[in-house]
Amino acid sequence: MKALRSLARRVLGRGRPDYRELLFRDLADYLGGRTPRRILEIGPKDGQDSARLVTLEPERLVLVDLPAMAPQSQAWLPALDAARVEYISANIMYSPEVDRLEPFDCVWCTGVLYHNPEQLRMIRRLYDMLVPGGVLALESATARARGLRDANCVQIIYPPSPALKRKYHISANITHLPSARAIESWLAMVGFASITRSGCHRKVSRPLARSRAAYLATRPVGGDAGRYYTISEEQGFVIGSAR
């Protein structure tokens, strides 16, 4: 019976669009015809999203991935327009090389947030990378424990263990899985506006929608993050901005 269910899932899944393709369509709609002049893609993986982002015809598409991913990236990178695309091996949280290329009109970040234990700080970093009016597309795996899926919380998976890795189908380096509501809350806390949840996962399958979430959000013109301690009207400690 288990084998039959697995076969049915494979057969029924054929022809379904990839959720990243659906998210890209949502991004195009969210942009409303605007052409981002400079786009940053974080963690390009197989290059499929990179090829989609090039169709937006930016002046510059910057791809950033960890140094360990460079050999994999070289398999598809030559197929992209070298005059338009720049590839950097770095961690965006600690890279002066990325700093010099900011700001961007659009940041695309799928499947990366949950690998970083500094998730609130990372979202604030994405905010700082954008021009006022810039757009973020952010996608992530989410909390797997059934009782936490709909809560505004973060599931801590630490210390990591082979048993938990198998149970939740995650890699060993993952220590935090935020719920969808937590990601939405963090986006608002660091200053994003016009936050919209994409239906890209739900259109593929209900189980996928229970374990992943994607959002589109805008860095507002003149907006700013909340403060968790205010010294004066002009000064305070800004949420997520610790260095």
Protein backbone atom coordinates (compact mmCIF):
# COMPACT_ATOMS: atom_id res chain seq x y z
CA MET A 1 0.00 0.00 0.00
CA LYS A 2 2.81 2.41 0.86
CA ALA A 3 4.46 1.68 -2.51
CA LEU A 4 1.16 2.37 -4.31
CA ARG A 5 0.75 5.71 -2.55
CA SER A 6 4.30 6.67 -3.48
CA LEU A 7 3.67 5.73 -7.12
CA ALA A 8 0.42 7.72 -7.17
CA ARG A 9 2.20 10.80 -5.81
CA ARG A 10 4.83 10.55 -8.54
CA VAL A 11 2.28 10.06 -11.33
CA LEU A 12 -0.13 12.75 -10.14
CA GLY A 13 2.76 15.14 -9.59
CA ARG A 14 3.84 14.99 -13.22
CA GLY A 15 3.08 18.17 -15.11
CA ARG A 16 2.73 20.27 -11.97
CA PRO A 17 4.73 23.49 -12.07
CA ASP A 18 7.66 23.92 -9.73
CA TYR A 19 6.82 26.12 -6.73
CA ARG A 20 9.79 28.37 -7.50
CA GLU A 21 8.38 28.98 -10.97
CA LEU A 22 5.04 29.90 -9.39
CA LEU A 23 6.77 32.21 -6.92
CA PHE A 24 8.57 33.89 -9.81
CA ARG A 25 5.21 34.50 -11.50
CA ASP A 26 3.92 36.01 -8.27
CA LEU A 27 6.99 38.25 -8.12
CA ALA A 28 6.37 39.46 -11.68
CA ASP A 29 2.77 40.30 -10.75
CA TYR A 30 3.89 41.99 -7.52
CA LEU A 31 6.35 44.17 -9.45
CA GLY A 32 3.44 45.39 -11.54
CA GLY A 33 5.44 45.90 -14.71
CA ARG A 34 8.45 47.50 -13.01
CA THR A 35 11.87 46.36 -14.21
CA PRO A 36 14.37 45.93 -11.35
CA ARG A 37 17.63 47.50 -12.44
CA ARG A 38 19.76 45.42 -10.05
CA ILE A 39 18.74 42.01 -8.72
CA LEU A 40 20.44 39.88 -6.06
CA GLU A 41 19.83 36.15 -5.89
CA ILE A 42 21.02 34.38 -2.74
CA GLY A 43 21.70 30.64 -2.98
CA PRO A 44 21.05 30.04 -6.71
CA LYS A 45 21.32 26.24 -6.41
CA ASP A 46 20.59 24.77 -9.86
CA GLY A 47 20.46 28.07 -11.78
CA GLN A 48 16.80 27.70 -12.80
CA ASP A 49 15.72 30.78 -10.86
CA SER A 50 18.72 32.68 -12.21
CA ALA A 51 17.52 32.00 -15.76
CA ARG A 52 14.04 33.21 -14.80
CA LEU A 53 15.35 36.37 -13.16
CA VAL A 54 17.36 37.23 -16.29
CA THR A 55 14.06 37.41 -18.19
CA LEU A 56 13.18 40.48 -16.09
CA GLU A 57 16.01 42.15 -18.07
CA PRO A 58 17.92 43.72 -15.18
CA GLU A 59 21.08 45.65 -15.90
CA ARG A 60 22.83 43.44 -13.35
CA LEU A 61 22.02 40.09 -11.74
CA VAL A 62 24.31 39.26 -8.83
CA LEU A 63 24.39 35.65 -7.65
CA VAL A 64 25.81 34.84 -4.22
CA ASP A 65 26.35 31.35 -2.84
CA LEU A 66 28.60 29.75 -0.25
CA PRO A 67 32.12 28.82 -1.43
CA ALA A 68 31.32 25.12 -1.10
CA MET A 69 28.66 25.50 -3.80
CA ALA A 70 31.00 26.98 -6.43
CA PRO A 71 31.78 23.68 -8.23
CA GLN A 72 28.07 22.90 -8.59
CA SER A 73 27.34 26.42 -9.86
CA GLN A 74 30.00 26.18 -12.55
CA ALA A 75 27.94 23.46 -14.25
CA TRP A 76 25.19 25.92 -15.28
CA LEU A 77 26.74 29.38 -14.87
CA PRO A 78 28.32 29.57 -18.38
CA ALA A 79 24.84 29.35 -19.93
CA LEU A 80 23.87 32.75 -18.50
CA ASP A 81 24.64 36.12 -20.06
CA ALA A 82 28.12 36.88 -18.70
CA ALA A 83 27.74 40.60 -19.46
CA ARG A 84 24.68 40.79 -17.21
CA VAL A 85 25.51 38.26 -14.47
CA GLU A 86 28.09 38.36 -11.67
CA TYR A 87 28.75 35.36 -9.40
CA ILE A 88 30.27 35.73 -5.93
CA SER A 89 31.33 32.93 -3.56
CA ALA A 90 30.55 34.34 -0.11
CA ASN A 91 28.26 34.37 2.90
CA ILE A 92 26.03 37.44 2.58
CA MET A 93 26.12 37.98 6.34
CA TYR A 94 29.85 38.61 6.37
CA SER A 95 30.92 39.66 2.87
CA PRO A 96 32.46 43.09 2.10
CA GLU A 97 32.39 42.05 -1.56
CA VAL A 98 28.60 41.93 -1.46
CA ASP A 99 28.48 45.20 0.50
CA ARG A 100 30.14 47.09 -2.34
CA LEU A 101 27.40 46.01 -4.79
CA GLU A 102 24.46 47.22 -2.70
CA PRO A 103 21.76 48.41 -2.88
CA PHE A 104 19.47 46.25 -5.03
CA ASP A 105 16.02 46.80 -6.48
CA CYS A 106 15.04 43.19 -5.87
CA VAL A 107 16.36 40.36 -3.68
CA TRP A 108 15.41 36.75 -4.40
CA CYS A 109 16.12 34.30 -1.56
CA THR A 110 14.62 30.80 -1.62
CA GLY A 111 15.59 27.84 0.55
CA VAL A 112 18.23 29.75 2.52
CA LEU A 113 16.70 31.36 5.62
CA TYR A 114 16.19 28.14 7.60
CA HIS A 115 19.83 27.15 7.13
CA ASN A 116 20.91 30.30 9.00
CA PRO A 117 20.52 30.32 12.81
CA GLU A 118 20.56 34.16 12.77
CA GLN A 119 17.22 34.41 11.00
CA LEU A 120 15.86 37.72 12.30
CA ARG A 121 19.24 39.34 11.72
CA MET A 122 19.36 37.86 8.20
CA ILE A 123 15.97 39.33 7.31
CA ARG A 124 17.14 42.74 8.51
CA ARG A 125 20.25 42.25 6.34
CA LEU A 126 18.01 41.66 3.33
CA TYR A 127 16.09 44.82 4.20
CA ASP A 128 19.31 46.85 4.29
CA MET A 129 20.34 45.46 0.89
CA LEU A 130 17.31 46.94 -0.83
CA VAL A 131 16.69 50.44 -2.13
CA PRO A 132 13.61 52.19 -0.68
CA GLY A 133 10.77 50.72 -2.71
CA GLY A 134 12.79 47.56 -3.39
CA VAL A 135 11.13 44.14 -3.35
CA LEU A 136 12.05 40.95 -1.48
CA ALA A 137 10.98 37.42 -2.47
CA LEU A 138 11.69 35.19 0.53
CA GLU A 139 10.95 31.45 0.71
CA SER A 140 11.77 29.00 3.49
CA ALA A 141 11.03 25.66 5.07
CA THR A 142 8.90 26.12 8.18
CA ALA A 143 8.21 24.47 11.55
CA ARG A 144 7.46 20.77 11.15
CA ALA A 145 5.94 19.85 14.54
CA ARG A 146 2.18 19.65 13.99
CA GLY A 147 1.31 21.73 17.05
CA LEU A 148 3.63 24.56 15.95
CA ARG A 149 2.72 24.96 12.29
CA ASP A 150 0.01 27.58 12.87
CA ALA A 151 1.64 29.24 15.88
CA ASN A 152 3.77 32.39 15.81
CA CYS A 153 6.92 30.62 16.96
CA VAL A 154 10.25 29.02 16.08
CA GLN A 155 10.89 25.30 16.43
CA ILE A 156 14.35 24.73 17.89
CA ILE A 157 16.00 21.56 16.65
CA TYR A 158 19.05 21.35 18.83
CA PRO A 159 21.16 19.44 19.42
CA PRO A 160 20.71 18.02 15.94
CA SER A 161 20.39 14.26 15.76
CA PRO A 162 20.11 11.67 12.98
CA ALA A 163 16.64 10.75 14.28
CA LEU A 164 15.33 14.32 13.97
CA LYS A 165 16.99 14.70 10.60
CA ARG A 166 15.10 11.64 9.33
CA LYS A 167 11.84 12.62 11.00
CA TYR A 168 11.72 16.12 9.53
CA HIS A 169 13.64 15.41 6.29
CA ILE A 170 16.19 18.14 6.96
CA SER A 171 19.95 18.47 6.78
CA ALA A 172 22.07 18.19 9.89
CA ASN A 173 23.06 21.88 10.02
CA ILE A 174 19.50 23.13 10.60
CA THR A 175 18.84 24.30 14.16
CA HIS A 176 15.80 26.61 13.76
CA LEU A 177 12.58 26.16 11.78
CA PRO A 178 10.37 29.28 11.97
CA SER A 179 6.64 29.02 11.45
CA ALA A 180 5.11 30.92 8.52
CA ARG A 181 3.63 33.43 10.98
CA ALA A 182 7.06 33.97 12.56
CA ILE A 183 8.58 34.81 9.18
CA GLU A 184 5.75 37.26 8.50
CA SER A 185 6.22 38.83 11.94
CA TRP A 186 9.97 39.21 11.41
CA LEU A 187 9.41 40.88 8.04
CA ALA A 188 7.17 43.46 9.72
CA MET A 189 9.49 43.90 12.71
CA VAL A 190 12.50 44.84 10.58
CA GLY A 191 10.47 47.35 8.55
CA PHE A 192 8.98 45.62 5.49
CA ALA A 193 5.54 46.64 4.24
CA SER A 194 2.99 45.30 1.72
CA ILE A 195 3.79 41.78 2.97
CA THR A 196 2.00 39.17 0.85
CA ARG A 197 2.10 35.41 1.26
CA SER A 198 2.50 33.53 -2.01
CA GLY A 199 0.28 30.55 -2.77
CA CYS A 200 3.09 28.86 -4.73
CA HIS A 201 3.36 25.84 -2.42
CA ARG A 202 -0.37 25.28 -2.04
CA LYS A 203 -0.76 25.16 -5.84
CA VAL A 204 1.69 22.25 -5.94
CA SER A 205 0.47 20.21 -2.95
CA ARG A 206 -1.12 20.64 0.47
CA PRO A 207 1.69 18.78 2.29
CA LEU A 208 4.24 21.15 0.73
CA ALA A 209 2.20 24.16 1.90
CA ARG A 210 2.30 22.80 5.46
CA SER A 211 6.09 22.66 5.50
CA ARG A 212 7.16 25.76 3.52
CA ALA A 213 6.16 29.40 3.11
CA ALA A 214 7.00 32.24 0.73
CA TYR A 215 6.47 35.98 1.03
CA LEU A 216 6.78 39.07 -1.13
CA ALA A 217 7.48 42.32 0.67
CA THR A 218 8.58 45.89 0.00
CA ARG A 219 11.09 48.11 1.76
CA PRO A 220 8.99 51.26 2.08
CA VAL A 221 10.21 54.71 1.16
CA GLY A 222 11.00 56.43 4.44
CA GLY A 223 10.21 53.34 6.50
CA ASP A 224 12.34 51.88 9.28
CA ALA A 225 12.51 48.91 11.61
CA GLY A 226 11.07 48.77 15.07
CA ARG A 227 13.25 49.37 18.11
CA TYR A 228 13.54 47.05 21.05
CA TYR A 229 14.97 49.80 23.28
CA THR A 230 14.64 53.54 22.69
CA ILE A 231 17.24 55.93 24.08
CA SER A 232 15.69 59.05 22.61
CA GLU A 233 13.38 59.96 19.77
CA GLU A 234 16.32 59.72 17.36
CA GLN A 235 18.32 56.90 18.95
CA GLY A 236 17.78 53.34 20.05
CA PHE A 237 18.65 49.72 19.37
CA VAL A 238 17.13 48.69 16.05
CA ILE A 239 15.64 45.21 15.72
CA GLY A 240 17.99 42.90 13.83
CA SER A 241 20.79 45.41 13.27
CA ALA A 242 23.45 43.99 15.61
CA ARG A 243 26.86 43.73 13.99
